Amino acid sequence: MRHMDLLIIRHGQSEADILNVIEGRADFPLTALGLKQATQMAEWVNGYMQISKIFASPLIRAKQTAEKLSVATGVTIEFDENLMEWKNGLIAGLAREEANEKYPQPDPYFPHTAVYEQESHIEFRARAELALSKIINENPPDSKVAIVSHGGLIARLFQSFLGVPMVSDVGVSTGDTGIHHWQIAGNGSKRVVFANSLVHLY
């Protein structure tokens, strides 16, 4: 039976990780280590699977990571703003203590709550649903697709793929250049082959 393969990949270490600030839509580049991680990831993916498409967030840390994969595989990148990290508004780029002081989280906080120029959790999840639906349904059923994105967005993609309700305690972690491999069979059944693999870094 034919199936679609999806490799979901997080970007490498960014300068925001070193500065210990809130990233989100703050557009920090990769560090030297992040570039090395991306190169290692790209070489591993090229040996693991012959991918046919690369979709990526246009934020620079994801763009630089996707470019390493494009060079290793010879596959061009299609950028999709729906794959960008959570729109965190006025707290983007701030130190956590400063953000907590200037822009405290409202209480109560509902899934539809949108404050400080941020998108709500409902809007965030819907954006992930849209991105994944387009990739799955607008590509051939035997495609081998790589998606390069961010930890928060990848968690929402994972929830969408598994059909987890939007309000849920179920989450997923993804390390720097962590890779998830999913498959979708022709009959629509879904399978997680592996999650958050970092084997390429060791």
C-alpha atoms as a PDB file:
ATOM      1  CA  MET A   1       0.000   0.000   0.000  1.00  0.00           C
ATOM      2  CA  ARG A   2       1.278   3.429  -0.934  1.00  0.00           C
ATOM      3  CA  HIS A   3       1.786   5.899   1.873  1.00  0.00           C
ATOM      4  CA  MET A   4       2.915   9.475   2.482  1.00  0.00           C
ATOM      5  CA  ASP A   5       5.959  10.065   4.676  1.00  0.00           C
ATOM      6  CA  LEU A   6       6.238  13.254   6.711  1.00  0.00           C
ATOM      7  CA  LEU A   7       9.456  14.284   8.443  1.00  0.00           C
ATOM      8  CA  ILE A   8       8.699  17.055  10.946  1.00  0.00           C
ATOM      9  CA  ILE A   9      11.919  18.876  11.894  1.00  0.00           C
ATOM     10  CA  ARG A  10      12.634  21.616  14.411  1.00  0.00           C
ATOM     11  CA  HIS A  11      15.233  24.287  13.699  1.00  0.00           C
ATOM     12  CA  GLY A  12      18.674  24.234  15.299  1.00  0.00           C
ATOM     13  CA  GLN A  13      19.843  26.226  18.305  1.00  0.00           C
ATOM     14  CA  SER A  14      19.181  29.951  17.891  1.00  0.00           C
ATOM     15  CA  GLU A  15      20.766  33.004  19.453  1.00  0.00           C
ATOM     16  CA  ALA A  16      17.639  33.479  21.583  1.00  0.00           C
ATOM     17  CA  ASP A  17      18.499  30.222  23.374  1.00  0.00           C
ATOM     18  CA  ILE A  18      21.843  31.700  24.394  1.00  0.00           C
ATOM     19  CA  LEU A  19      20.364  35.061  25.408  1.00  0.00           C
ATOM     20  CA  ASN A  20      17.571  33.326  27.354  1.00  0.00           C
ATOM     21  CA  VAL A  21      14.839  35.523  25.908  1.00  0.00           C
ATOM     22  CA  ILE A  22      11.364  34.665  24.672  1.00  0.00           C
ATOM     23  CA  GLU A  23      11.611  33.897  20.987  1.00  0.00           C
ATOM     24  CA  GLY A  24       8.310  33.139  19.241  1.00  0.00           C
ATOM     25  CA  ARG A  25       8.131  35.651  16.402  1.00  0.00           C
ATOM     26  CA  ALA A  26      11.393  37.357  17.408  1.00  0.00           C
ATOM     27  CA  ASP A  27      13.586  36.588  14.411  1.00  0.00           C
ATOM     28  CA  PHE A  28      16.910  35.351  15.752  1.00  0.00           C
ATOM     29  CA  PRO A  29      19.420  33.466  13.538  1.00  0.00           C
ATOM     30  CA  LEU A  30      21.052  30.154  14.331  1.00  0.00           C
ATOM     31  CA  THR A  31      24.186  30.018  16.436  1.00  0.00           C
ATOM     32  CA  ALA A  32      27.344  28.322  15.148  1.00  0.00           C
ATOM     33  CA  LEU A  33      26.204  25.210  17.010  1.00  0.00           C
ATOM     34  CA  GLY A  34      22.738  25.532  15.463  1.00  0.00           C
ATOM     35  CA  LEU A  35      24.245  25.624  11.968  1.00  0.00           C
ATOM     36  CA  LYS A  36      26.291  22.517  12.776  1.00  0.00           C
ATOM     37  CA  GLN A  37      23.191  20.751  14.098  1.00  0.00           C
ATOM     38  CA  ALA A  38      21.306  21.656  10.927  1.00  0.00           C
ATOM     39  CA  THR A  39      24.107  20.319   8.740  1.00  0.00           C
ATOM     40  CA  GLN A  40      24.192  17.050  10.677  1.00  0.00           C
ATOM     41  CA  MET A  41      20.415  16.741  10.456  1.00  0.00           C
ATOM     42  CA  ALA A  42      20.449  17.381   6.716  1.00  0.00           C
ATOM     43  CA  GLU A  43      23.124  14.774   6.052  1.00  0.00           C
ATOM     44  CA  TRP A  44      21.243  12.203   8.134  1.00  0.00           C
ATOM     45  CA  VAL A  45      17.905  12.882   6.428  1.00  0.00           C
ATOM     46  CA  ASN A  46      19.516  12.621   2.994  1.00  0.00           C
ATOM     47  CA  GLY A  47      20.789   9.154   3.882  1.00  0.00           C
ATOM     48  CA  TYR A  48      17.517   8.102   5.507  1.00  0.00           C
ATOM     49  CA  MET A  49      14.950   9.108   2.907  1.00  0.00           C
ATOM     50  CA  GLN A  50      14.769  10.601  -0.581  1.00  0.00           C
ATOM     51  CA  ILE A  51      12.460  13.512   0.162  1.00  0.00           C
ATOM     52  CA  SER A  52      10.428  15.156  -2.589  1.00  0.00           C
ATOM     53  CA  LYS A  53       9.308  18.409  -0.939  1.00  0.00           C
ATOM     54  CA  ILE A  54      10.544  20.774   1.781  1.00  0.00           C
ATOM     55  CA  PHE A  55       8.101  23.135   3.482  1.00  0.00           C
ATOM     56  CA  ALA A  56       9.441  25.611   6.019  1.00  0.00           C
ATOM     57  CA  SER A  57       8.646  28.558   8.226  1.00  0.00           C
ATOM     58  CA  PRO A  58      10.162  31.775   6.823  1.00  0.00           C
ATOM     59  CA  LEU A  59      11.554  32.827  10.232  1.00  0.00           C
ATOM     60  CA  ILE A  60      15.328  32.945   9.876  1.00  0.00           C
ATOM     61  CA  ARG A  61      16.197  30.111  12.268  1.00  0.00           C
ATOM     62  CA  ALA A  62      13.902  27.729  10.387  1.00  0.00           C
ATOM     63  CA  LYS A  63      14.945  29.146   7.016  1.00  0.00           C
ATOM     64  CA  GLN A  64      18.641  28.538   7.747  1.00  0.00           C
ATOM     65  CA  THR A  65      17.868  24.994   8.917  1.00  0.00           C
ATOM     66  CA  ALA A  66      15.786  24.268   5.815  1.00  0.00           C
ATOM     67  CA  GLU A  67      18.528  25.669   3.579  1.00  0.00           C
ATOM     68  CA  LYS A  68      20.969  23.096   4.946  1.00  0.00           C
ATOM     69  CA  LEU A  69      18.449  20.372   4.110  1.00  0.00           C
ATOM     70  CA  SER A  70      17.891  21.821   0.644  1.00  0.00           C
ATOM     71  CA  VAL A  71      21.629  21.818  -0.095  1.00  0.00           C
ATOM     72  CA  ALA A  72      22.028  18.212   1.093  1.00  0.00           C
ATOM     73  CA  THR A  73      19.029  16.878  -0.854  1.00  0.00           C
ATOM     74  CA  GLY A  74      18.814  19.145  -3.883  1.00  0.00           C
ATOM     75  CA  VAL A  75      15.155  19.855  -3.093  1.00  0.00           C
ATOM     76  CA  THR A  76      13.870  23.426  -3.207  1.00  0.00           C
ATOM     77  CA  ILE A  77      12.068  25.010  -0.242  1.00  0.00           C
ATOM     78  CA  GLU A  78       8.480  26.249  -0.183  1.00  0.00           C
ATOM     79  CA  PHE A  79       7.974  28.757   2.617  1.00  0.00           C
ATOM     80  CA  ASP A  80       4.645  28.866   4.431  1.00  0.00           C
ATOM     81  CA  GLU A  81       3.795  31.544   7.003  1.00  0.00           C
ATOM     82  CA  ASN A  82       1.358  29.107   8.613  1.00  0.00           C
ATOM     83  CA  LEU A  83       4.409  27.132   9.806  1.00  0.00           C
ATOM     84  CA  MET A  84       5.726  30.090  11.833  1.00  0.00           C
ATOM     85  CA  GLU A  85       5.957  29.912  15.619  1.00  0.00           C
ATOM     86  CA  TRP A  86       3.213  31.218  17.900  1.00  0.00           C
ATOM     87  CA  LYS A  87       2.495  34.896  17.322  1.00  0.00           C
ATOM     88  CA  ASN A  88       3.510  36.087  20.774  1.00  0.00           C
ATOM     89  CA  GLY A  89       3.090  39.798  20.172  1.00  0.00           C
ATOM     90  CA  LEU A  90       4.644  42.255  22.576  1.00  0.00           C
ATOM     91  CA  ILE A  91       6.609  39.665  24.569  1.00  0.00           C
ATOM     92  CA  ALA A  92       8.695  38.557  21.570  1.00  0.00           C
ATOM     93  CA  GLY A  93      12.393  39.093  22.256  1.00  0.00           C
ATOM     94  CA  LEU A  94      11.943  40.061  25.909  1.00  0.00           C
ATOM     95  CA  ALA A  95      13.655  38.478  28.903  1.00  0.00           C
ATOM     96  CA  ARG A  96      11.163  36.274  30.729  1.00  0.00           C
ATOM     97  CA  GLU A  97      11.175  38.352  33.921  1.00  0.00           C
ATOM     98  CA  GLU A  98      10.558  41.547  31.956  1.00  0.00           C
ATOM     99  CA  ALA A  99       7.728  39.924  30.003  1.00  0.00           C
ATOM    100  CA  ASN A 100       6.074  38.653  33.178  1.00  0.00           C
ATOM    101  CA  GLU A 101       6.302  42.107  34.743  1.00  0.00           C
ATOM    102  CA  LYS A 102       5.100  44.161  31.766  1.00  0.00           C
ATOM    103  CA  TYR A 103       2.610  41.703  30.280  1.00  0.00           C
ATOM    104  CA  PRO A 104       1.274  39.357  32.976  1.00  0.00           C
ATOM    105  CA  GLN A 105      -0.883  36.460  31.858  1.00  0.00           C
ATOM    106  CA  PRO A 106      -4.556  37.268  32.442  1.00  0.00           C
ATOM    107  CA  ASP A 107      -6.525  35.213  34.928  1.00  0.00           C
ATOM    108  CA  PRO A 108      -8.654  33.495  33.834  1.00  0.00           C
ATOM    109  CA  TYR A 109      -6.955  32.591  30.555  1.00  0.00           C
ATOM    110  CA  PHE A 110      -9.222  30.886  28.019  1.00  0.00           C
ATOM    111  CA  PRO A 111      -8.358  29.129  24.740  1.00  0.00           C
ATOM    112  CA  HIS A 112      -9.888  32.081  22.865  1.00  0.00           C
ATOM    113  CA  THR A 113      -7.977  34.703  24.880  1.00  0.00           C
ATOM    114  CA  ALA A 114      -5.814  36.981  22.730  1.00  0.00           C
ATOM    115  CA  VAL A 115      -3.877  39.729  24.512  1.00  0.00           C
ATOM    116  CA  TYR A 116      -0.765  41.859  23.900  1.00  0.00           C
ATOM    117  CA  GLU A 117      -1.073  41.483  20.096  1.00  0.00           C
ATOM    118  CA  GLN A 118      -0.847  37.693  20.400  1.00  0.00           C
ATOM    119  CA  GLU A 119      -2.884  35.013  18.693  1.00  0.00           C
ATOM    120  CA  SER A 120      -5.117  32.838  20.858  1.00  0.00           C
ATOM    121  CA  HIS A 121      -4.483  29.129  21.390  1.00  0.00           C
ATOM    122  CA  ILE A 122      -7.486  28.413  19.168  1.00  0.00           C
ATOM    123  CA  GLU A 123      -6.014  30.525  16.369  1.00  0.00           C
ATOM    124  CA  PHE A 124      -2.605  28.864  16.824  1.00  0.00           C
ATOM    125  CA  ARG A 125      -4.052  25.357  16.616  1.00  0.00           C
ATOM    126  CA  ALA A 126      -6.234  26.300  13.637  1.00  0.00           C
ATOM    127  CA  ARG A 127      -3.169  27.592  11.795  1.00  0.00           C
ATOM    128  CA  ALA A 128      -1.379  24.277  12.377  1.00  0.00           C
ATOM    129  CA  GLU A 129      -4.480  22.395  11.179  1.00  0.00           C
ATOM    130  CA  LEU A 130      -4.537  24.487   8.006  1.00  0.00           C
ATOM    131  CA  ALA A 131      -0.837  23.988   7.266  1.00  0.00           C
ATOM    132  CA  LEU A 132      -0.987  20.226   7.789  1.00  0.00           C
ATOM    133  CA  SER A 133      -4.216  19.786   5.832  1.00  0.00           C
ATOM    134  CA  LYS A 134      -2.790  21.633   2.818  1.00  0.00           C
ATOM    135  CA  ILE A 135       0.441  19.629   2.854  1.00  0.00           C
ATOM    136  CA  ILE A 136      -1.339  16.290   3.155  1.00  0.00           C
ATOM    137  CA  ASN A 137      -4.071  16.969   0.633  1.00  0.00           C
ATOM    138  CA  GLU A 138      -2.246  19.031  -1.992  1.00  0.00           C
ATOM    139  CA  ASN A 139       0.637  16.599  -2.522  1.00  0.00           C
ATOM    140  CA  PRO A 140       0.628  13.131  -4.102  1.00  0.00           C
ATOM    141  CA  PRO A 141      -0.276  10.317  -1.660  1.00  0.00           C
ATOM    142  CA  ASP A 142       3.189   8.763  -1.983  1.00  0.00           C
ATOM    143  CA  SER A 143       5.095  12.021  -1.307  1.00  0.00           C
ATOM    144  CA  LYS A 144       8.027  12.162   1.083  1.00  0.00           C
ATOM    145  CA  VAL A 145       7.764  15.574   2.683  1.00  0.00           C
ATOM    146  CA  ALA A 146       9.983  17.437   5.151  1.00  0.00           C
ATOM    147  CA  ILE A 147       8.485  20.211   7.279  1.00  0.00           C
ATOM    148  CA  VAL A 148      10.914  22.545   9.067  1.00  0.00           C
ATOM    149  CA  SER A 149       9.291  24.540  11.838  1.00  0.00           C
ATOM    150  CA  HIS A 150       9.334  25.423  15.550  1.00  0.00           C
ATOM    151  CA  GLY A 151       8.731  23.622  18.822  1.00  0.00           C
ATOM    152  CA  GLY A 152       5.359  25.190  19.603  1.00  0.00           C
ATOM    153  CA  LEU A 153       3.989  24.790  16.097  1.00  0.00           C
ATOM    154  CA  ILE A 154       5.274  21.221  15.879  1.00  0.00           C
ATOM    155  CA  ALA A 155       3.414  20.390  19.098  1.00  0.00           C
ATOM    156  CA  ARG A 156       0.198  21.664  17.467  1.00  0.00           C
ATOM    157  CA  LEU A 157       0.933  19.723  14.274  1.00  0.00           C
ATOM    158  CA  PHE A 158       1.356  16.611  16.406  1.00  0.00           C
ATOM    159  CA  GLN A 159      -1.989  17.224  18.136  1.00  0.00           C
ATOM    160  CA  SER A 160      -3.629  17.751  14.755  1.00  0.00           C
ATOM    161  CA  PHE A 161      -2.085  14.607  13.265  1.00  0.00           C
ATOM    162  CA  LEU A 162      -3.242  12.482  16.203  1.00  0.00           C
ATOM    163  CA  GLY A 163      -6.657  14.116  16.468  1.00  0.00           C
ATOM    164  CA  VAL A 164      -6.007  15.327  20.011  1.00  0.00           C
ATOM    165  CA  PRO A 165      -8.580  17.890  21.241  1.00  0.00           C
ATOM    166  CA  MET A 166      -7.361  21.476  21.306  1.00  0.00           C
ATOM    167  CA  VAL A 167      -7.791  21.715  25.069  1.00  0.00           C
ATOM    168  CA  SER A 168      -5.642  18.820  26.226  1.00  0.00           C
ATOM    169  CA  ASP A 169      -2.792  17.926  28.572  1.00  0.00           C
ATOM    170  CA  VAL A 170      -1.152  15.865  25.801  1.00  0.00           C
ATOM    171  CA  GLY A 171       1.999  17.484  24.444  1.00  0.00           C
ATOM    172  CA  VAL A 172       5.213  16.654  22.639  1.00  0.00           C
ATOM    173  CA  SER A 173       8.794  17.844  23.066  1.00  0.00           C
ATOM    174  CA  THR A 174      11.190  18.486  20.208  1.00  0.00           C
ATOM    175  CA  GLY A 175      14.901  19.154  20.724  1.00  0.00           C
ATOM    176  CA  ASP A 176      17.087  21.283  18.470  1.00  0.00           C
ATOM    177  CA  THR A 177      16.828  19.690  14.984  1.00  0.00           C
ATOM    178  CA  GLY A 178      14.695  16.913  16.498  1.00  0.00           C
ATOM    179  CA  ILE A 179      12.976  14.810  13.829  1.00  0.00           C
ATOM    180  CA  HIS A 180       9.538  13.160  13.911  1.00  0.00           C
ATOM    181  CA  HIS A 181       8.584  10.616  11.225  1.00  0.00           C
ATOM    182  CA  TRP A 182       4.889  10.122  10.450  1.00  0.00           C
ATOM    183  CA  GLN A 183       3.170   8.004   7.799  1.00  0.00           C
ATOM    184  CA  ILE A 184      -0.288   8.251   6.261  1.00  0.00           C
ATOM    185  CA  ALA A 185      -1.509   5.160   4.385  1.00  0.00           C
ATOM    186  CA  GLY A 186      -3.738   5.269   1.340  1.00  0.00           C
ATOM    187  CA  ASN A 187      -6.724   4.288   3.478  1.00  0.00           C
ATOM    188  CA  GLY A 188      -6.107   7.313   5.704  1.00  0.00           C
ATOM    189  CA  SER A 189      -4.658   5.453   8.674  1.00  0.00           C
ATOM    190  CA  LYS A 190      -1.850   7.268  10.473  1.00  0.00           C
ATOM    191  CA  ARG A 191       1.285   6.013  12.193  1.00  0.00           C
ATOM    192  CA  VAL A 192       4.061   7.616  14.220  1.00  0.00           C
ATOM    193  CA  VAL A 193       7.259   5.836  13.151  1.00  0.00           C
ATOM    194  CA  PHE A 194       9.427   7.699  15.660  1.00  0.00           C
ATOM    195  CA  ALA A 195       9.396  10.972  17.581  1.00  0.00           C
ATOM    196  CA  ASN A 196      12.033  13.567  18.485  1.00  0.00           C
ATOM    197  CA  SER A 197      14.961  11.604  17.093  1.00  0.00           C
ATOM    198  CA  LEU A 198      18.332  13.264  17.743  1.00  0.00           C
ATOM    199  CA  VAL A 199      20.461  10.362  16.527  1.00  0.00           C
ATOM    200  CA  HIS A 200      22.151  12.609  13.944  1.00  0.00           C
ATOM    201  CA  LEU A 201      23.768  14.650  16.716  1.00  0.00           C
ATOM    202  CA  TYR A 202      25.631  11.695  18.284  1.00  0.00           C
END
